[in-house]
Structures are given as structure tokens and as C-alpha cells.
Amino acid sequence: MRDEEKNSAKPNSEEQTADVGNVDEELPPLTLWQMIGSALSAAAGVQSSKNRERDFARGKASHFIIIGVGFTAIFVLIMATLVRFILSQVT
């Protein structure tokens, strides 16, 4: 095969990027409830591969980081409150 034939068979990186960009533009962004559900499922370790692929295709990392930090803060506050309540009942 000549070099020209090899190059025409493979799309260049700009064409691949353009194709990926078009796919992302067609998909609607995740809703807040979908992101919260995904974060809770991932925290519990029961996230389905279908939802994981959806999250990577349509979600933004920054949104998941914010939700994860918020979920962690709420979890720590609930645990601290629960421990204080239990210790107050014991003593």
C-alpha cells in the first residue's frame, strides 16, 4: 500500500475529535437527580456499567466532584450527630 492509501483509510486526529464533539453535542446533559443517583450508587458500590458509561459520556467531572464533596460532608455530619446522640444516651 502506498502512504496516500494508508492515510486515506485512517481518519486524522482532527476528524476523530470533530466526530467525538458532534456526539457530545447531541446528548443532553445529566439532570441533577441523575448525578445525585449516580454519586450515591457509586458510593455504595452498585453503579451499573450502563449508568457509568452514560455519566462519562454526558456528565462533567466538576459536577460529580462537587456532589461527591457535598455527599461526604453530609455523611460526616450525620455520623457525628449520631455518635453524639448515642453517647448522650449511654452516659
PDB file of N, CA and C in Angstrom:
ATOM      1  N   MET A   1       0.827  -1.182   0.000  1.00  0.00           N
ATOM      2  CA  MET A   1       0.000   0.000   0.000  1.00  0.00           C
ATOM      3  C   MET A   1       0.865   1.237   0.000  1.00  0.00           C
ATOM      4  N   ARG A   2       0.447   2.191  -0.711  1.00  0.00           N
ATOM      5  CA  ARG A   2       1.164   3.459  -0.725  1.00  0.00           C
ATOM      6  C   ARG A   2       0.785   4.260   0.514  1.00  0.00           C
ATOM      7  N   ASP A   3       1.589   5.259   0.846  1.00  0.00           N
ATOM      8  CA  ASP A   3       1.323   6.102   2.010  1.00  0.00           C
ATOM      9  C   ASP A   3       0.010   6.854   1.879  1.00  0.00           C
ATOM     10  N   GLU A   4      -0.324   7.266   0.659  1.00  0.00           N
ATOM     11  CA  GLU A   4      -1.570   8.001   0.446  1.00  0.00           C
ATOM     12  C   GLU A   4      -2.780   7.135   0.762  1.00  0.00           C
ATOM     13  N   GLU A   5      -2.730   5.859   0.379  1.00  0.00           N
ATOM     14  CA  GLU A   5      -3.850   4.956   0.643  1.00  0.00           C
ATOM     15  C   GLU A   5      -3.989   4.688   2.129  1.00  0.00           C
ATOM     16  N   LYS A   6      -2.855   4.538   2.822  1.00  0.00           N
ATOM     17  CA  LYS A   6      -2.896   4.314   4.271  1.00  0.00           C
ATOM     18  C   LYS A   6      -3.513   5.506   4.986  1.00  0.00           C
ATOM     19  N   ASN A   7      -3.113   6.699   4.578  1.00  0.00           N
ATOM     20  CA  ASN A   7      -3.625   7.914   5.231  1.00  0.00           C
ATOM     21  C   ASN A   7      -5.100   8.131   4.951  1.00  0.00           C
ATOM     22  N   SER A   8      -5.564   7.755   3.751  1.00  0.00           N
ATOM     23  CA  SER A   8      -6.973   7.966   3.438  1.00  0.00           C
ATOM     24  C   SER A   8      -7.867   6.966   4.171  1.00  0.00           C
ATOM     25  N   ALA A   9      -7.319   5.806   4.540  1.00  0.00           N
ATOM     26  CA  ALA A   9      -8.110   4.799   5.242  1.00  0.00           C
ATOM     27  C   ALA A   9      -8.335   5.178   6.703  1.00  0.00           C
ATOM     28  N   LYS A  10      -7.370   5.892   7.294  1.00  0.00           N
ATOM     29  CA  LYS A  10      -7.488   6.270   8.698  1.00  0.00           C
ATOM     30  C   LYS A  10      -7.869   7.740   8.794  1.00  0.00           C
ATOM     31  N   PRO A  11      -8.859   8.073   9.614  1.00  0.00           N
ATOM     32  CA  PRO A  11      -9.150   9.497   9.811  1.00  0.00           C
ATOM     33  C   PRO A  11      -8.058  10.113  10.667  1.00  0.00           C
ATOM     34  N   ASN A  12      -7.725  11.362  10.377  1.00  0.00           N
ATOM     35  CA  ASN A  12      -6.703  12.018  11.188  1.00  0.00           C
ATOM     36  C   ASN A  12      -7.298  12.418  12.531  1.00  0.00           C
ATOM     37  N   SER A  13      -6.447  12.881  13.436  1.00  0.00           N
ATOM     38  CA  SER A  13      -6.905  13.185  14.799  1.00  0.00           C
ATOM     39  C   SER A  13      -7.927  14.317  14.819  1.00  0.00           C
ATOM     40  N   GLU A  14      -7.826  15.273  13.881  1.00  0.00           N
ATOM     41  CA  GLU A  14      -8.806  16.360  13.836  1.00  0.00           C
ATOM     42  C   GLU A  14     -10.190  15.831  13.482  1.00  0.00           C
ATOM     43  N   GLU A  15     -10.263  14.874  12.549  1.00  0.00           N
ATOM     44  CA  GLU A  15     -11.551  14.294  12.171  1.00  0.00           C
ATOM     45  C   GLU A  15     -12.134  13.500  13.322  1.00  0.00           C
ATOM     46  N   GLN A  16     -11.279  12.766  14.054  1.00  0.00           N
ATOM     47  CA  GLN A  16     -11.769  11.998  15.200  1.00  0.00           C
ATOM     48  C   GLN A  16     -12.300  12.927  16.278  1.00  0.00           C
ATOM     49  N   THR A  17     -11.604  14.017  16.542  1.00  0.00           N
ATOM     50  CA  THR A  17     -12.055  14.981  17.545  1.00  0.00           C
ATOM     51  C   THR A  17     -13.374  15.607  17.120  1.00  0.00           C
ATOM     52  N   ALA A  18     -13.521  15.907  15.850  1.00  0.00           N
ATOM     53  CA  ALA A  18     -14.765  16.503  15.363  1.00  0.00           C
ATOM     54  C   ALA A  18     -15.921  15.532  15.522  1.00  0.00           C
ATOM     55  N   ASP A  19     -15.666  14.250  15.255  1.00  0.00           N
ATOM     56  CA  ASP A  19     -16.721  13.249  15.407  1.00  0.00           C
ATOM     57  C   ASP A  19     -17.145  13.117  16.863  1.00  0.00           C
ATOM     58  N   VAL A  20     -16.181  13.080  17.766  1.00  0.00           N
ATOM     59  CA  VAL A  20     -16.496  12.971  19.187  1.00  0.00           C
ATOM     60  C   VAL A  20     -17.237  14.211  19.653  1.00  0.00           C
ATOM     61  N   GLY A  21     -16.839  15.382  19.189  1.00  0.00           N
ATOM     62  CA  GLY A  21     -17.513  16.626  19.573  1.00  0.00           C
ATOM     63  C   GLY A  21     -18.951  16.641  19.140  1.00  0.00           C
ATOM     64  N   ASN A  22     -19.267  16.111  17.965  1.00  0.00           N
ATOM     65  CA  ASN A  22     -20.639  16.082  17.486  1.00  0.00           C
ATOM     66  C   ASN A  22     -21.498  15.159  18.326  1.00  0.00           C
ATOM     67  N   VAL A  23     -20.928  14.045  18.778  1.00  0.00           N
ATOM     68  CA  VAL A  23     -21.685  13.105  19.601  1.00  0.00           C
ATOM     69  C   VAL A  23     -22.039  13.755  20.927  1.00  0.00           C
ATOM     70  N   ASP A  24     -21.073  14.468  21.543  1.00  0.00           N
ATOM     71  CA  ASP A  24     -21.327  15.112  22.830  1.00  0.00           C
ATOM     72  C   ASP A  24     -22.386  16.191  22.718  1.00  0.00           C
ATOM     73  N   GLU A  25     -22.421  16.904  21.604  1.00  0.00           N
ATOM     74  CA  GLU A  25     -23.382  17.980  21.448  1.00  0.00           C
ATOM     75  C   GLU A  25     -24.806  17.444  21.298  1.00  0.00           C
ATOM     76  N   GLU A  26     -24.956  16.238  20.777  1.00  0.00           N
ATOM     77  CA  GLU A  26     -26.287  15.672  20.563  1.00  0.00           C
ATOM     78  C   GLU A  26     -26.901  15.131  21.851  1.00  0.00           C
ATOM     79  N   LEU A  27     -26.074  14.713  22.798  1.00  0.00           N
ATOM     80  CA  LEU A  27     -26.582  14.138  24.033  1.00  0.00           C
ATOM     81  C   LEU A  27     -26.950  15.242  25.020  1.00  0.00           C
ATOM     82  N   PRO A  28     -28.120  15.129  25.652  1.00  0.00           N
ATOM     83  CA  PRO A  28     -28.487  16.143  26.657  1.00  0.00           C
ATOM     84  C   PRO A  28     -27.656  15.948  27.920  1.00  0.00           C
ATOM     85  N   PRO A  29     -27.370  17.007  28.660  1.00  0.00           N
ATOM     86  CA  PRO A  29     -26.614  16.860  29.904  1.00  0.00           C
ATOM     87  C   PRO A  29     -27.432  16.113  30.951  1.00  0.00           C
ATOM     88  N   LEU A  30     -26.733  15.572  31.923  1.00  0.00           N
ATOM     89  CA  LEU A  30     -27.405  14.853  33.001  1.00  0.00           C
ATOM     90  C   LEU A  30     -28.199  15.821  33.871  1.00  0.00           C
ATOM     91  N   THR A  31     -29.312  15.335  34.400  1.00  0.00           N
ATOM     92  CA  THR A  31     -30.084  16.141  35.339  1.00  0.00           C
ATOM     93  C   THR A  31     -29.436  16.053  36.719  1.00  0.00           C
ATOM     94  N   LEU A  32     -29.832  16.946  37.605  1.00  0.00           N
ATOM     95  CA  LEU A  32     -29.292  16.937  38.962  1.00  0.00           C
ATOM     96  C   LEU A  32     -29.596  15.612  39.651  1.00  0.00           C
ATOM     97  N   TRP A  33     -30.806  15.106  39.470  1.00  0.00           N
ATOM     98  CA  TRP A  33     -31.192  13.842  40.127  1.00  0.00           C
ATOM     99  C   TRP A  33     -30.412  12.656  39.568  1.00  0.00           C
ATOM    100  N   GLN A  34     -30.110  12.667  38.279  1.00  0.00           N
ATOM    101  CA  GLN A  34     -29.292  11.602  37.704  1.00  0.00           C
ATOM    102  C   GLN A  34     -27.881  11.630  38.280  1.00  0.00           C
ATOM    103  N   MET A  35     -27.326  12.828  38.452  1.00  0.00           N
ATOM    104  CA  MET A  35     -25.981  12.939  39.021  1.00  0.00           C
ATOM    105  C   MET A  35     -25.956  12.513  40.486  1.00  0.00           C
ATOM    106  N   ILE A  36     -26.967  12.922  41.247  1.00  0.00           N
ATOM    107  CA  ILE A  36     -27.040  12.518  42.659  1.00  0.00           C
ATOM    108  C   ILE A  36     -27.202  11.002  42.762  1.00  0.00           C
ATOM    109  N   GLY A  37     -28.082  10.439  41.944  1.00  0.00           N
ATOM    110  CA  GLY A  37     -28.271   8.987  41.950  1.00  0.00           C
ATOM    111  C   GLY A  37     -26.998   8.245  41.581  1.00  0.00           C
ATOM    112  N   SER A  38     -26.274   8.751  40.610  1.00  0.00           N
ATOM    113  CA  SER A  38     -25.015   8.125  40.211  1.00  0.00           C
ATOM    114  C   SER A  38     -23.978   8.209  41.327  1.00  0.00           C
ATOM    115  N   ALA A  39     -23.906   9.370  41.996  1.00  0.00           N
ATOM    116  CA  ALA A  39     -22.946   9.535  43.084  1.00  0.00           C
ATOM    117  C   ALA A  39     -23.276   8.602  44.247  1.00  0.00           C
ATOM    118  N   LEU A  40     -24.548   8.484  44.597  1.00  0.00           N
ATOM    119  CA  LEU A  40     -24.947   7.587  45.690  1.00  0.00           C
ATOM    120  C   LEU A  40     -24.721   6.126  45.318  1.00  0.00           C
ATOM    121  N   SER A  41     -25.018   5.767  44.077  1.00  0.00           N
ATOM    122  CA  SER A  41     -24.797   4.394  43.626  1.00  0.00           C
ATOM    123  C   SER A  41     -23.312   4.057  43.625  1.00  0.00           C
ATOM    124  N   ALA A  42     -22.498   4.985  43.167  1.00  0.00           N
ATOM    125  CA  ALA A  42     -21.060   4.762  43.149  1.00  0.00           C
ATOM    126  C   ALA A  42     -20.504   4.662  44.571  1.00  0.00           C
ATOM    127  N   ALA A  43     -21.026   5.476  45.490  1.00  0.00           N
ATOM    128  CA  ALA A  43     -20.573   5.424  46.877  1.00  0.00           C
ATOM    129  C   ALA A  43     -20.911   4.088  47.517  1.00  0.00           C
ATOM    130  N   ALA A  44     -22.067   3.529  47.153  1.00  0.00           N
ATOM    131  CA  ALA A  44     -22.485   2.232  47.690  1.00  0.00           C
ATOM    132  C   ALA A  44     -21.838   1.072  46.938  1.00  0.00           C
ATOM    133  N   GLY A  45     -21.225   1.367  45.794  1.00  0.00           N
ATOM    134  CA  GLY A  45     -20.554   0.319  45.025  1.00  0.00           C
ATOM    135  C   GLY A  45     -21.475  -0.486  44.142  1.00  0.00           C
ATOM    136  N   VAL A  46     -22.632   0.062  43.779  1.00  0.00           N
ATOM    137  CA  VAL A  46     -23.595  -0.684  42.971  1.00  0.00           C
ATOM    138  C   VAL A  46     -23.905   0.014  41.649  1.00  0.00           C
ATOM    139  N   GLN A  47     -23.007   0.867  41.178  1.00  0.00           N
ATOM    140  CA  GLN A  47     -23.219   1.591  39.928  1.00  0.00           C
ATOM    141  C   GLN A  47     -23.201   0.608  38.752  1.00  0.00           C
ATOM    142  N   SER A  48     -24.203   0.663  37.899  1.00  0.00           N
ATOM    143  CA  SER A  48     -24.249  -0.221  36.733  1.00  0.00           C
ATOM    144  C   SER A  48     -23.302   0.305  35.658  1.00  0.00           C
ATOM    145  N   SER A  49     -22.824  -0.598  34.818  1.00  0.00           N
ATOM    146  CA  SER A  49     -21.902  -0.181  33.760  1.00  0.00           C
ATOM    147  C   SER A  49     -22.603   0.722  32.747  1.00  0.00           C
ATOM    148  N   LYS A  50     -23.906   0.500  32.548  1.00  0.00           N
ATOM    149  CA  LYS A  50     -24.676   1.354  31.629  1.00  0.00           C
ATOM    150  C   LYS A  50     -24.707   2.800  32.137  1.00  0.00           C
ATOM    151  N   ASN A  51     -24.991   2.968  33.430  1.00  0.00           N
ATOM    152  CA  ASN A  51     -25.026   4.312  34.005  1.00  0.00           C
ATOM    153  C   ASN A  51     -23.640   4.937  34.067  1.00  0.00           C
ATOM    154  N   ARG A  52     -22.622   4.133  34.318  1.00  0.00           N
ATOM    155  CA  ARG A  52     -21.255   4.641  34.346  1.00  0.00           C
ATOM    156  C   ARG A  52     -20.863   5.189  32.974  1.00  0.00           C
ATOM    157  N   GLU A  53     -21.192   4.453  31.926  1.00  0.00           N
ATOM    158  CA  GLU A  53     -20.902   4.916  30.566  1.00  0.00           C
ATOM    159  C   GLU A  53     -21.687   6.193  30.242  1.00  0.00           C
ATOM    160  N   ARG A  54     -22.944   6.244  30.694  1.00  0.00           N
ATOM    161  CA  ARG A  54     -23.762   7.450  30.493  1.00  0.00           C
ATOM    162  C   ARG A  54     -23.137   8.645  31.196  1.00  0.00           C
ATOM    163  N   ASP A  55     -22.667   8.422  32.424  1.00  0.00           N
ATOM    164  CA  ASP A  55     -22.054   9.503  33.196  1.00  0.00           C
ATOM    165  C   ASP A  55     -20.803  10.039  32.513  1.00  0.00           C
ATOM    166  N   PHE A  56     -19.962   9.139  32.005  1.00  0.00           N
ATOM    167  CA  PHE A  56     -18.735   9.585  31.343  1.00  0.00           C
ATOM    168  C   PHE A  56     -19.031  10.281  30.025  1.00  0.00           C
ATOM    169  N   ALA A  57     -20.097   9.875  29.347  1.00  0.00           N
ATOM    170  CA  ALA A  57     -20.421  10.477  28.051  1.00  0.00           C
ATOM    171  C   ALA A  57     -21.116  11.831  28.206  1.00  0.00           C
ATOM    172  N   ARG A  58     -21.970  11.966  29.216  1.00  0.00           N
ATOM    173  CA  ARG A  58     -22.810  13.165  29.306  1.00  0.00           C
ATOM    174  C   ARG A  58     -22.518  14.059  30.495  1.00  0.00           C
ATOM    175  N   GLY A  59     -21.816  13.551  31.507  1.00  0.00           N
ATOM    176  CA  GLY A  59     -21.588  14.333  32.719  1.00  0.00           C
ATOM    177  C   GLY A  59     -20.281  15.095  32.690  1.00  0.00           C
ATOM    178  N   LYS A  60     -20.185  16.069  33.578  1.00  0.00           N
ATOM    179  CA  LYS A  60     -18.951  16.842  33.742  1.00  0.00           C
ATOM    180  C   LYS A  60     -18.302  16.430  35.057  1.00  0.00           C
ATOM    181  N   ALA A  61     -17.002  16.277  35.027  1.00  0.00           N
ATOM    182  CA  ALA A  61     -16.268  15.854  36.216  1.00  0.00           C
ATOM    183  C   ALA A  61     -16.466  16.836  37.365  1.00  0.00           C
ATOM    184  N   SER A  62     -16.463  18.129  37.064  1.00  0.00           N
ATOM    185  CA  SER A  62     -16.598  19.124  38.125  1.00  0.00           C
ATOM    186  C   SER A  62     -17.920  18.981  38.872  1.00  0.00           C
ATOM    187  N   HIS A  63     -18.984  18.645  38.155  1.00  0.00           N
ATOM    188  CA  HIS A  63     -20.285  18.461  38.814  1.00  0.00           C
ATOM    189  C   HIS A  63     -20.254  17.266  39.754  1.00  0.00           C
ATOM    190  N   PHE A  64     -19.629  16.173  39.311  1.00  0.00           N
ATOM    191  CA  PHE A  64     -19.558  14.984  40.157  1.00  0.00           C
ATOM    192  C   PHE A  64     -18.657  15.218  41.360  1.00  0.00           C
ATOM    193  N   ILE A  65     -17.595  16.004  41.193  1.00  0.00           N
ATOM    194  CA  ILE A  65     -16.713  16.317  42.319  1.00  0.00           C
ATOM    195  C   ILE A  65     -17.463  17.134  43.365  1.00  0.00           C
ATOM    196  N   ILE A  66     -18.211  18.135  42.923  1.00  0.00           N
ATOM    197  CA  ILE A  66     -18.988  18.966  43.854  1.00  0.00           C
ATOM    198  C   ILE A  66     -20.023  18.121  44.592  1.00  0.00           C
ATOM    199  N   ILE A  67     -20.725  17.267  43.865  1.00  0.00           N
ATOM    200  CA  ILE A  67     -21.731  16.407  44.502  1.00  0.00           C
ATOM    201  C   ILE A  67     -21.066  15.430  45.467  1.00  0.00           C
ATOM    202  N   GLY A  68     -19.912  14.899  45.085  1.00  0.00           N
ATOM    203  CA  GLY A  68     -19.190  13.966  45.959  1.00  0.00           C
ATOM    204  C   GLY A  68     -18.723  14.626  47.242  1.00  0.00           C
ATOM    205  N   VAL A  69     -18.194  15.839  47.144  1.00  0.00           N
ATOM    206  CA  VAL A  69     -17.754  16.568  48.338  1.00  0.00           C
ATOM    207  C   VAL A  69     -18.956  16.887  49.223  1.00  0.00           C
ATOM    208  N   GLY A  70     -20.058  17.314  48.610  1.00  0.00           N
ATOM    209  CA  GLY A  70     -21.270  17.598  49.384  1.00  0.00           C
ATOM    210  C   GLY A  70     -21.812  16.360  50.076  1.00  0.00           C
ATOM    211  N   PHE A  71     -21.851  15.240  49.352  1.00  0.00           N
ATOM    212  CA  PHE A  71     -22.321  13.980  49.926  1.00  0.00           C
ATOM    213  C   PHE A  71     -21.433  13.565  51.099  1.00  0.00           C
ATOM    214  N   THR A  72     -20.118  13.706  50.945  1.00  0.00           N
ATOM    215  CA  THR A  72     -19.188  13.336  52.010  1.00  0.00           C
ATOM    216  C   THR A  72     -19.388  14.217  53.240  1.00  0.00           C
ATOM    217  N   ALA A  73     -19.574  15.514  53.042  1.00  0.00           N
ATOM    218  CA  ALA A  73     -19.791  16.427  54.166  1.00  0.00           C
ATOM    219  C   ALA A  73     -21.072  16.085  54.909  1.00  0.00           C
ATOM    220  N   ILE A  74     -22.140  15.818  54.174  1.00  0.00           N
ATOM    221  CA  ILE A  74     -23.414  15.452  54.798  1.00  0.00           C
ATOM    222  C   ILE A  74     -23.278  14.133  55.552  1.00  0.00           C
ATOM    223  N   PHE A  75     -22.579  13.175  54.967  1.00  0.00           N
ATOM    224  CA  PHE A  75     -22.372  11.873  55.611  1.00  0.00           C
ATOM    225  C   PHE A  75     -21.607  12.034  56.920  1.00  0.00           C
ATOM    226  N   VAL A  76     -20.551  12.838  56.922  1.00  0.00           N
ATOM    227  CA  VAL A  76     -19.757  13.056  58.134  1.00  0.00           C
ATOM    228  C   VAL A  76     -20.597  13.754  59.200  1.00  0.00           C
ATOM    229  N   LEU A  77     -21.392  14.743  58.811  1.00  0.00           N
ATOM    230  CA  LEU A  77     -22.253  15.436  59.788  1.00  0.00           C
ATOM    231  C   LEU A  77     -23.287  14.493  60.400  1.00  0.00           C
ATOM    232  N   ILE A  78     -23.883  13.636  59.586  1.00  0.00           N
ATOM    233  CA  ILE A  78     -24.863  12.677  60.099  1.00  0.00           C
ATOM    234  C   ILE A  78     -24.200  11.703  61.067  1.00  0.00           C
ATOM    235  N   MET A  79     -23.033  11.205  60.715  1.00  0.00           N
ATOM    236  CA  MET A  79     -22.332  10.253  61.591  1.00  0.00           C
ATOM    237  C   MET A  79     -21.931  10.920  62.910  1.00  0.00           C
ATOM    238  N   ALA A  80     -21.438  12.155  62.854  1.00  0.00           N
ATOM    239  CA  ALA A  80     -21.051  12.865  64.075  1.00  0.00           C
ATOM    240  C   ALA A  80     -22.261  13.108  64.970  1.00  0.00           C
ATOM    241  N   THR A  81     -23.380  13.495  64.367  1.00  0.00           N
ATOM    242  CA  THR A  81     -24.610  13.715  65.137  1.00  0.00           C
ATOM    243  C   THR A  81     -25.099  12.414  65.753  1.00  0.00           C
ATOM    244  N   LEU A  82     -25.057  11.347  64.997  1.00  0.00           N
ATOM    245  CA  LEU A  82     -25.491  10.038  65.505  1.00  0.00           C
ATOM    246  C   LEU A  82     -24.624   9.572  66.670  1.00  0.00           C
ATOM    247  N   VAL A  83     -23.314   9.738  66.558  1.00  0.00           N
ATOM    248  CA  VAL A  83     -22.404   9.335  67.640  1.00  0.00           C
ATOM    249  C   VAL A  83     -22.660  10.177  68.886  1.00  0.00           C
ATOM    250  N   ARG A  84     -22.830  11.489  68.718  1.00  0.00           N
ATOM    251  CA  ARG A  84     -23.130  12.346  69.882  1.00  0.00           C
ATOM    252  C   ARG A  84     -24.436  11.932  70.553  1.00  0.00           C
ATOM    253  N   PHE A  85     -25.449  11.631  69.765  1.00  0.00           N
ATOM    254  CA  PHE A  85     -26.734  11.212  70.313  1.00  0.00           C
ATOM    255  C   PHE A  85     -26.593   9.898  71.097  1.00  0.00           C
ATOM    256  N   ILE A  86     -25.913   8.953  70.528  1.00  0.00           N
ATOM    257  CA  ILE A  86     -25.736   7.650  71.189  1.00  0.00           C
ATOM    258  C   ILE A  86     -24.920   7.815  72.474  1.00  0.00           C
ATOM    259  N   LEU A  87     -23.861   8.611  72.431  1.00  0.00           N
ATOM    260  CA  LEU A  87     -23.060   8.811  73.630  1.00  0.00           C
ATOM    261  C   LEU A  87     -23.839   9.552  74.712  1.00  0.00           C
ATOM    262  N   SER A  88     -24.703  10.464  74.341  1.00  0.00           N
ATOM    263  CA  SER A  88     -25.515  11.168  75.342  1.00  0.00           C
ATOM    264  C   SER A  88     -26.537  10.233  75.993  1.00  0.00           C
ATOM    265  N   GLN A  89     -27.008   9.233  75.276  1.00  0.00           N
ATOM    266  CA  GLN A  89     -27.972   8.275  75.814  1.00  0.00           C
ATOM    267  C   GLN A  89     -27.295   7.272  76.751  1.00  0.00           C
ATOM    268  N   VAL A  90     -26.055   6.965  76.484  1.00  0.00           N
ATOM    269  CA  VAL A  90     -25.313   5.969  77.268  1.00  0.00           C
ATOM    270  C   VAL A  90     -24.896   6.563  78.608  1.00  0.00           C
ATOM    271  N   THR A  91     -24.499   7.811  78.648  1.00  0.00           N
ATOM    272  CA  THR A  91     -23.983   8.398  79.885  1.00  0.00           C
ATOM    273  C   THR A  91     -25.059   9.032  80.713  1.00  0.00           C
TER     274      THR A  91
END
